[in-house]
C-alpha atoms as a PDB file:
ATOM      1  CA  UNK A   1      28.778 -70.909 -27.205  1.00  0.00           C
ATOM      2  CA  UNK A   2      31.469 -70.770 -24.780  1.00  0.00           C
ATOM      3  CA  UNK A   3      31.442 -68.538 -22.606  1.00  0.00           C
ATOM      4  CA  UNK A   4      34.490 -69.647 -20.243  1.00  0.00           C
ATOM      5  CA  UNK A   5      37.072 -66.638 -19.588  1.00  0.00           C
ATOM      6  CA  UNK A   6      40.817 -67.539 -18.852  1.00  0.00           C
ATOM      7  CA  UNK A   7      41.888 -66.655 -15.892  1.00  0.00           C
ATOM      8  CA  UNK A   8      44.484 -64.257 -17.164  1.00  0.00           C
ATOM      9  CA  UNK A   9      41.565 -62.400 -19.054  1.00  0.00           C
ATOM     10  CA  UNK A  10      40.940 -58.167 -18.767  1.00  0.00           C
ATOM     11  CA  UNK A  11      38.370 -56.640 -17.918  1.00  0.00           C
ATOM     12  CA  UNK A  12      36.718 -55.732 -20.839  1.00  0.00           C
ATOM     13  CA  UNK A  13      36.739 -59.486 -21.916  1.00  0.00           C
ATOM     14  CA  UNK A  14      34.860 -60.699 -18.849  1.00  0.00           C
ATOM     15  CA  UNK A  15      32.433 -58.165 -19.529  1.00  0.00           C
ATOM     16  CA  UNK A  16      31.728 -59.615 -22.625  1.00  0.00           C
ATOM     17  CA  UNK A  17      31.606 -62.948 -21.749  1.00  0.00           C
ATOM     18  CA  UNK A  18      29.265 -61.977 -19.123  1.00  0.00           C
ATOM     19  CA  UNK A  19      26.690 -60.440 -21.587  1.00  0.00           C
ATOM     20  CA  UNK A  20      26.931 -62.938 -23.662  1.00  0.00           C
ATOM     21  CA  UNK A  21      26.313 -65.494 -21.220  1.00  0.00           C
ATOM     22  CA  UNK A  22      23.005 -63.398 -20.256  1.00  0.00           C
ATOM     23  CA  UNK A  23      21.915 -63.129 -23.990  1.00  0.00           C
ATOM     24  CA  UNK A  24      21.659 -66.538 -23.824  1.00  0.00           C
ATOM     25  CA  UNK A  25      20.179 -67.063 -20.754  1.00  0.00           C
ATOM     26  CA  UNK A  26      17.548 -64.982 -22.246  1.00  0.00           C
ATOM     27  CA  UNK A  27      17.291 -66.681 -25.580  1.00  0.00           C
ATOM     28  CA  UNK A  28      17.152 -69.502 -23.674  1.00  0.00           C
ATOM     29  CA  UNK A  29      14.402 -68.516 -21.397  1.00  0.00           C
ATOM     30  CA  UNK A  30      12.583 -66.905 -24.303  1.00  0.00           C
ATOM     31  CA  UNK A  31      12.228 -70.184 -26.057  1.00  0.00           C
ATOM     32  CA  UNK A  32      10.901 -72.129 -23.077  1.00  0.00           C
ATOM     33  CA  UNK A  33       8.116 -69.389 -22.371  1.00  0.00           C
ATOM     34  CA  UNK A  34       7.002 -69.513 -26.198  1.00  0.00           C
ATOM     35  CA  UNK A  35       6.961 -73.134 -26.112  1.00  0.00           C
ATOM     36  CA  UNK A  36       5.120 -73.232 -23.261  1.00  0.00           C
ATOM     37  CA  UNK A  37       2.890 -69.980 -24.012  1.00  0.00           C
ATOM     38  CA  UNK A  38       2.283 -70.020 -27.743  1.00  0.00           C
ATOM     39  CA  UNK A  39       3.347 -67.013 -29.395  1.00  0.00           C
ATOM     40  CA  UNK A  40       0.521 -64.733 -29.439  1.00  0.00           C
ATOM     41  CA  UNK A  41       0.704 -65.932 -25.176  1.00  0.00           C
ATOM     42  CA  UNK A  42       4.045 -64.661 -24.743  1.00  0.00           C
ATOM     43  CA  UNK A  43       4.758 -61.389 -23.405  1.00  0.00           C
ATOM     44  CA  UNK A  44       8.095 -59.675 -22.820  1.00  0.00           C
ATOM     45  CA  UNK A  45       7.612 -59.411 -19.890  1.00  0.00           C
ATOM     46  CA  UNK A  46       7.052 -63.245 -18.613  1.00  0.00           C
ATOM     47  CA  UNK A  47      10.707 -63.471 -20.333  1.00  0.00           C
ATOM     48  CA  UNK A  48      12.104 -60.991 -18.706  1.00  0.00           C
ATOM     49  CA  UNK A  49      10.763 -62.018 -15.204  1.00  0.00           C
ATOM     50  CA  UNK A  50      11.767 -65.429 -16.048  1.00  0.00           C
ATOM     51  CA  UNK A  51      15.584 -64.021 -16.100  1.00  0.00           C
ATOM     52  CA  UNK A  52      15.099 -61.396 -13.449  1.00  0.00           C
ATOM     53  CA  UNK A  53      15.572 -58.747 -15.793  1.00  0.00           C
ATOM     54  CA  UNK A  54      12.942 -55.307 -16.358  1.00  0.00           C
ATOM     55  CA  UNK A  55      12.026 -55.159 -19.987  1.00  0.00           C
ATOM     56  CA  UNK A  56      14.193 -52.329 -20.638  1.00  0.00           C
ATOM     57  CA  UNK A  57      16.775 -55.098 -19.187  1.00  0.00           C
ATOM     58  CA  UNK A  58      15.885 -57.758 -21.718  1.00  0.00           C
ATOM     59  CA  UNK A  59      16.123 -55.007 -24.769  1.00  0.00           C
ATOM     60  CA  UNK A  60      19.716 -54.503 -23.557  1.00  0.00           C
ATOM     61  CA  UNK A  61      21.061 -57.121 -25.024  1.00  0.00           C
ATOM     62  CA  UNK A  62      19.012 -57.437 -28.738  1.00  0.00           C
ATOM     63  CA  UNK A  63      18.801 -54.611 -31.022  1.00  0.00           C
ATOM     64  CA  UNK A  64      14.646 -54.697 -30.479  1.00  0.00           C
ATOM     65  CA  UNK A  65      11.601 -57.237 -30.128  1.00  0.00           C
ATOM     66  CA  UNK A  66      11.708 -58.554 -33.732  1.00  0.00           C
ATOM     67  CA  UNK A  67      15.544 -59.395 -33.240  1.00  0.00           C
ATOM     68  CA  UNK A  68      14.802 -61.288 -29.756  1.00  0.00           C
ATOM     69  CA  UNK A  69      12.163 -63.058 -31.544  1.00  0.00           C
ATOM     70  CA  UNK A  70      14.221 -64.066 -34.523  1.00  0.00           C
ATOM     71  CA  UNK A  71      17.077 -65.175 -31.949  1.00  0.00           C
ATOM     72  CA  UNK A  72      15.067 -67.554 -30.665  1.00  0.00           C
ATOM     73  CA  UNK A  73      14.091 -69.126 -33.770  1.00  0.00           C
ATOM     74  CA  UNK A  74      17.894 -69.389 -34.921  1.00  0.00           C
ATOM     75  CA  UNK A  75      18.252 -70.806 -31.212  1.00  0.00           C
ATOM     76  CA  UNK A  76      15.754 -73.156 -31.705  1.00  0.00           C
ATOM     77  CA  UNK A  77      17.234 -74.306 -35.119  1.00  0.00           C
ATOM     78  CA  UNK A  78      20.496 -74.851 -33.560  1.00  0.00           C
ATOM     79  CA  UNK A  79      18.763 -76.954 -30.678  1.00  0.00           C
ATOM     80  CA  UNK A  80      17.068 -80.059 -33.145  1.00  0.00           C
ATOM     81  CA  UNK A  81      20.329 -79.615 -35.183  1.00  0.00           C
ATOM     82  CA  UNK A  82      21.860 -81.298 -32.568  1.00  0.00           C
ATOM     83  CA  UNK A  83      18.581 -83.205 -31.240  1.00  0.00           C
ATOM     84  CA  UNK A  84      16.961 -84.406 -33.951  1.00  0.00           C
ATOM     85  CA  UNK A  85      20.037 -85.375 -36.925  1.00  0.00           C
ATOM     86  CA  UNK A  86      20.731 -89.481 -36.992  1.00  0.00           C
ATOM     87  CA  UNK A  87      23.828 -90.860 -36.587  1.00  0.00           C
ATOM     88  CA  UNK A  88      24.248 -91.343 -40.937  1.00  0.00           C
ATOM     89  CA  UNK A  89      23.451 -88.111 -40.780  1.00  0.00           C
ATOM     90  CA  UNK A  90      20.576 -88.270 -42.976  1.00  0.00           C
ATOM     91  CA  UNK A  91      18.865 -84.800 -43.540  1.00  0.00           C
ATOM     92  CA  UNK A  92      15.651 -85.975 -45.227  1.00  0.00           C
ATOM     93  CA  UNK A  93      15.104 -87.960 -41.962  1.00  0.00           C
ATOM     94  CA  UNK A  94      16.424 -85.235 -39.460  1.00  0.00           C
ATOM     95  CA  UNK A  95      13.665 -83.214 -41.202  1.00  0.00           C
ATOM     96  CA  UNK A  96      11.180 -86.192 -40.687  1.00  0.00           C
ATOM     97  CA  UNK A  97      11.941 -85.990 -37.343  1.00  0.00           C
ATOM     98  CA  UNK A  98      11.525 -82.548 -36.697  1.00  0.00           C
ATOM     99  CA  UNK A  99       8.107 -82.552 -38.420  1.00  0.00           C
ATOM    100  CA  UNK A 100       7.010 -85.021 -35.160  1.00  0.00           C
ATOM    101  CA  UNK A 101       8.639 -82.952 -32.972  1.00  0.00           C
ATOM    102  CA  UNK A 102       6.436 -80.476 -33.572  1.00  0.00           C
ATOM    103  CA  UNK A 103       3.506 -81.566 -32.494  1.00  0.00           C
ATOM    104  CA  UNK A 104       4.433 -80.754 -29.318  1.00  0.00           C
ATOM    105  CA  UNK A 105       5.665 -77.344 -29.070  1.00  0.00           C
ATOM    106  CA  UNK A 106       2.943 -75.587 -30.946  1.00  0.00           C
ATOM    107  CA  UNK A 107       3.760 -71.865 -29.697  1.00  0.00           C
ATOM    108  CA  UNK A 108       7.044 -72.281 -31.656  1.00  0.00           C
ATOM    109  CA  UNK A 109       5.573 -73.344 -34.457  1.00  0.00           C
ATOM    110  CA  UNK A 110       3.385 -70.183 -34.362  1.00  0.00           C
ATOM    111  CA  UNK A 111       6.272 -68.027 -34.127  1.00  0.00           C
ATOM    112  CA  UNK A 112       8.150 -69.617 -37.023  1.00  0.00           C
ATOM    113  CA  UNK A 113       5.124 -69.573 -39.284  1.00  0.00           C
ATOM    114  CA  UNK A 114       4.521 -65.986 -38.564  1.00  0.00           C
ATOM    115  CA  UNK A 115       8.240 -64.851 -38.762  1.00  0.00           C
ATOM    116  CA  UNK A 116       9.003 -66.608 -42.109  1.00  0.00           C
ATOM    117  CA  UNK A 117       6.275 -64.120 -43.243  1.00  0.00           C
ATOM    118  CA  UNK A 118       7.145 -61.363 -41.506  1.00  0.00           C
ATOM    119  CA  UNK A 119      10.836 -61.603 -42.434  1.00  0.00           C
ATOM    120  CA  UNK A 120      10.119 -60.808 -46.331  1.00  0.00           C
ATOM    121  CA  UNK A 121      10.326 -57.637 -46.336  1.00  0.00           C
ATOM    122  CA  UNK A 122      13.866 -56.508 -46.353  1.00  0.00           C
ATOM    123  CA  UNK A 123      14.535 -54.548 -43.001  1.00  0.00           C
ATOM    124  CA  UNK A 124      12.880 -56.978 -40.909  1.00  0.00           C
ATOM    125  CA  UNK A 125      15.818 -58.532 -38.553  1.00  0.00           C
ATOM    126  CA  UNK A 126      15.305 -62.274 -39.859  1.00  0.00           C
ATOM    127  CA  UNK A 127      15.601 -61.235 -43.602  1.00  0.00           C
ATOM    128  CA  UNK A 128      18.719 -62.225 -44.044  1.00  0.00           C
ATOM    129  CA  UNK A 129      18.890 -65.266 -41.500  1.00  0.00           C
ATOM    130  CA  UNK A 130      15.500 -66.778 -43.528  1.00  0.00           C
ATOM    131  CA  UNK A 131      17.002 -66.833 -46.740  1.00  0.00           C
ATOM    132  CA  UNK A 132      19.907 -68.453 -45.351  1.00  0.00           C
ATOM    133  CA  UNK A 133      18.582 -70.646 -43.709  1.00  0.00           C
ATOM    134  CA  UNK A 134      16.241 -71.722 -47.058  1.00  0.00           C
ATOM    135  CA  UNK A 135      19.516 -72.031 -48.947  1.00  0.00           C
ATOM    136  CA  UNK A 136      21.000 -74.178 -46.402  1.00  0.00           C
ATOM    137  CA  UNK A 137      18.098 -76.053 -46.011  1.00  0.00           C
ATOM    138  CA  UNK A 138      17.574 -77.202 -49.792  1.00  0.00           C
ATOM    139  CA  UNK A 139      21.349 -77.599 -49.607  1.00  0.00           C
ATOM    140  CA  UNK A 140      21.528 -80.082 -47.261  1.00  0.00           C
ATOM    141  CA  UNK A 141      18.389 -81.907 -48.213  1.00  0.00           C
ATOM    142  CA  UNK A 142      19.434 -82.245 -51.529  1.00  0.00           C
ATOM    143  CA  UNK A 143      22.638 -83.705 -50.659  1.00  0.00           C
ATOM    144  CA  UNK A 144      20.616 -86.319 -48.285  1.00  0.00           C
ATOM    145  CA  UNK A 145      18.384 -86.623 -51.957  1.00  0.00           C
ATOM    146  CA  UNK A 146      21.905 -87.919 -54.060  1.00  0.00           C
ATOM    147  CA  UNK A 147      23.231 -90.249 -51.302  1.00  0.00           C
ATOM    148  CA  UNK A 148      19.887 -92.251 -51.187  1.00  0.00           C
ATOM    149  CA  UNK A 149      19.952 -91.907 -55.271  1.00  0.00           C
ATOM    150  CA  UNK A 150      23.543 -93.641 -55.451  1.00  0.00           C
ATOM    151  CA  UNK A 151      22.329 -96.382 -52.441  1.00  0.00           C
ATOM    152  CA  UNK A 152      19.158 -97.231 -54.761  1.00  0.00           C
ATOM    153  CA  UNK A 153      16.437 -95.992 -52.415  1.00  0.00           C
ATOM    154  CA  UNK A 154      15.618 -92.942 -54.201  1.00  0.00           C
ATOM    155  CA  UNK A 155      14.244 -92.105 -58.302  1.00  0.00           C
ATOM    156  CA  UNK A 156      17.632 -91.693 -60.324  1.00  0.00           C
ATOM    157  CA  UNK A 157      15.203 -89.179 -62.279  1.00  0.00           C
ATOM    158  CA  UNK A 158      15.060 -86.968 -59.337  1.00  0.00           C
ATOM    159  CA  UNK A 159      16.100 -83.724 -59.269  1.00  0.00           C
ATOM    160  CA  UNK A 160      17.488 -83.199 -56.350  1.00  0.00           C
ATOM    161  CA  UNK A 161      17.252 -79.485 -55.671  1.00  0.00           C
ATOM    162  CA  UNK A 162      13.582 -80.236 -56.713  1.00  0.00           C
ATOM    163  CA  UNK A 163      13.039 -82.971 -54.481  1.00  0.00           C
ATOM    164  CA  UNK A 164      14.527 -80.956 -51.539  1.00  0.00           C
ATOM    165  CA  UNK A 165      12.239 -77.843 -52.167  1.00  0.00           C
ATOM    166  CA  UNK A 166       9.149 -79.877 -52.255  1.00  0.00           C
ATOM    167  CA  UNK A 167       9.794 -81.416 -48.688  1.00  0.00           C
ATOM    168  CA  UNK A 168      10.033 -77.856 -47.831  1.00  0.00           C
ATOM    169  CA  UNK A 169       7.455 -76.630 -48.651  1.00  0.00           C
ATOM    170  CA  UNK A 170       5.152 -80.214 -47.451  1.00  0.00           C
ATOM    171  CA  UNK A 171       6.886 -79.649 -44.039  1.00  0.00           C
ATOM    172  CA  UNK A 172       5.919 -75.817 -44.074  1.00  0.00           C
ATOM    173  CA  UNK A 173       2.536 -76.256 -45.436  1.00  0.00           C
ATOM    174  CA  UNK A 174       1.960 -78.855 -43.012  1.00  0.00           C
ATOM    175  CA  UNK A 175       2.749 -76.573 -40.092  1.00  0.00           C
ATOM    176  CA  UNK A 176      -0.143 -74.280 -41.275  1.00  0.00           C
ATOM    177  CA  UNK A 177      -2.705 -76.419 -41.668  1.00  0.00           C
ATOM    178  CA  UNK A 178      -1.521 -78.173 -38.156  1.00  0.00           C
ATOM    179  CA  UNK A 179      -2.625 -75.063 -36.107  1.00  0.00           C
ATOM    180  CA  UNK A 180      -5.913 -74.722 -37.703  1.00  0.00           C
ATOM    181  CA  UNK A 181      -6.089 -78.522 -36.765  1.00  0.00           C
ATOM    182  CA  UNK A 182      -3.898 -80.309 -34.468  1.00  0.00           C
ATOM    183  CA  UNK A 183      -6.091 -83.653 -35.081  1.00  0.00           C
ATOM    184  CA  UNK A 184      -3.908 -83.755 -38.620  1.00  0.00           C
ATOM    185  CA  UNK A 185      -1.322 -86.785 -38.246  1.00  0.00           C
ATOM    186  CA  UNK A 186       1.343 -83.949 -40.260  1.00  0.00           C
ATOM    187  CA  UNK A 187       3.806 -86.881 -39.983  1.00  0.00           C
ATOM    188  CA  UNK A 188       1.677 -89.775 -41.844  1.00  0.00           C
ATOM    189  CA  UNK A 189       1.099 -87.065 -43.943  1.00  0.00           C
ATOM    190  CA  UNK A 190       4.962 -86.300 -44.546  1.00  0.00           C
ATOM    191  CA  UNK A 191       5.922 -90.280 -44.887  1.00  0.00           C
ATOM    192  CA  UNK A 192       3.240 -90.384 -47.375  1.00  0.00           C
ATOM    193  CA  UNK A 193       4.738 -87.685 -49.523  1.00  0.00           C
ATOM    194  CA  UNK A 194       7.676 -88.690 -49.445  1.00  0.00           C
ATOM    195  CA  UNK A 195       7.163 -91.855 -50.526  1.00  0.00           C
ATOM    196  CA  UNK A 196       5.661 -91.116 -53.468  1.00  0.00           C
ATOM    197  CA  UNK A 197       8.613 -88.713 -54.441  1.00  0.00           C
ATOM    198  CA  UNK A 198      11.486 -91.090 -53.423  1.00  0.00           C
ATOM    199  CA  UNK A 199       9.804 -94.104 -54.913  1.00  0.00           C
ATOM    200  CA  UNK A 200       6.095 -94.582 -55.941  1.00  0.00           C
ATOM    201  CA  UNK A 201       7.107 -98.645 -56.272  1.00  0.00           C
ATOM    202  CA  UNK A 202       7.828 -98.652 -52.466  1.00  0.00           C
ATOM    203  CA  UNK A 203       5.161 -99.531 -49.792  1.00  0.00           C
ATOM    204  CA  UNK A 204       7.425 -96.573 -48.012  1.00  0.00           C
ATOM    205  CA  UNK A 205      10.544 -94.872 -47.718  1.00  0.00           C
ATOM    206  CA  UNK A 206      13.497 -95.493 -45.738  1.00  0.00           C
ATOM    207  CA  UNK A 207      14.183 -93.333 -42.717  1.00  0.00           C
END
């Protein structure tokens, strides 16, 4: 988000840019607090302290605490999209890298898993975002499967959309199991399952 303001900008433009900068500062701080302390152990007061505001001051920039949490997940997705997308843009490799990374951020895994369930309610602030997130992820992963089919590294009889939904279900399901047993090697299970889905005859799948 670019918050640079032209030198000749008017007062209202400057106020908007300042507000957007503070809003982003809060999101970054909230992301760090949840990642470090876990969803259940993170408080609005800790986030407020991190940005030198009161709790009311934090909520001035968001519609509600639920809205703040929803925006934290969005911020995480934006970060992961930049950090874990390979040079060739392969979405399956990106998902695999994200699964591996999630072992180091249990707080964000807790947050995401809880939000997906709670956002099922149409009135939840994250309802539309979660719906769109799944839709975009299915399309992106399906395109990744199609590219592998064209390259001969995925079964040609696969329905790319079905394979995409299987990959998402695998990723989300592993995260839920891992929250209960962090000795689970999510990456190893993900790799083994995707090898079976994409090309059962191969010893592994091309990452």
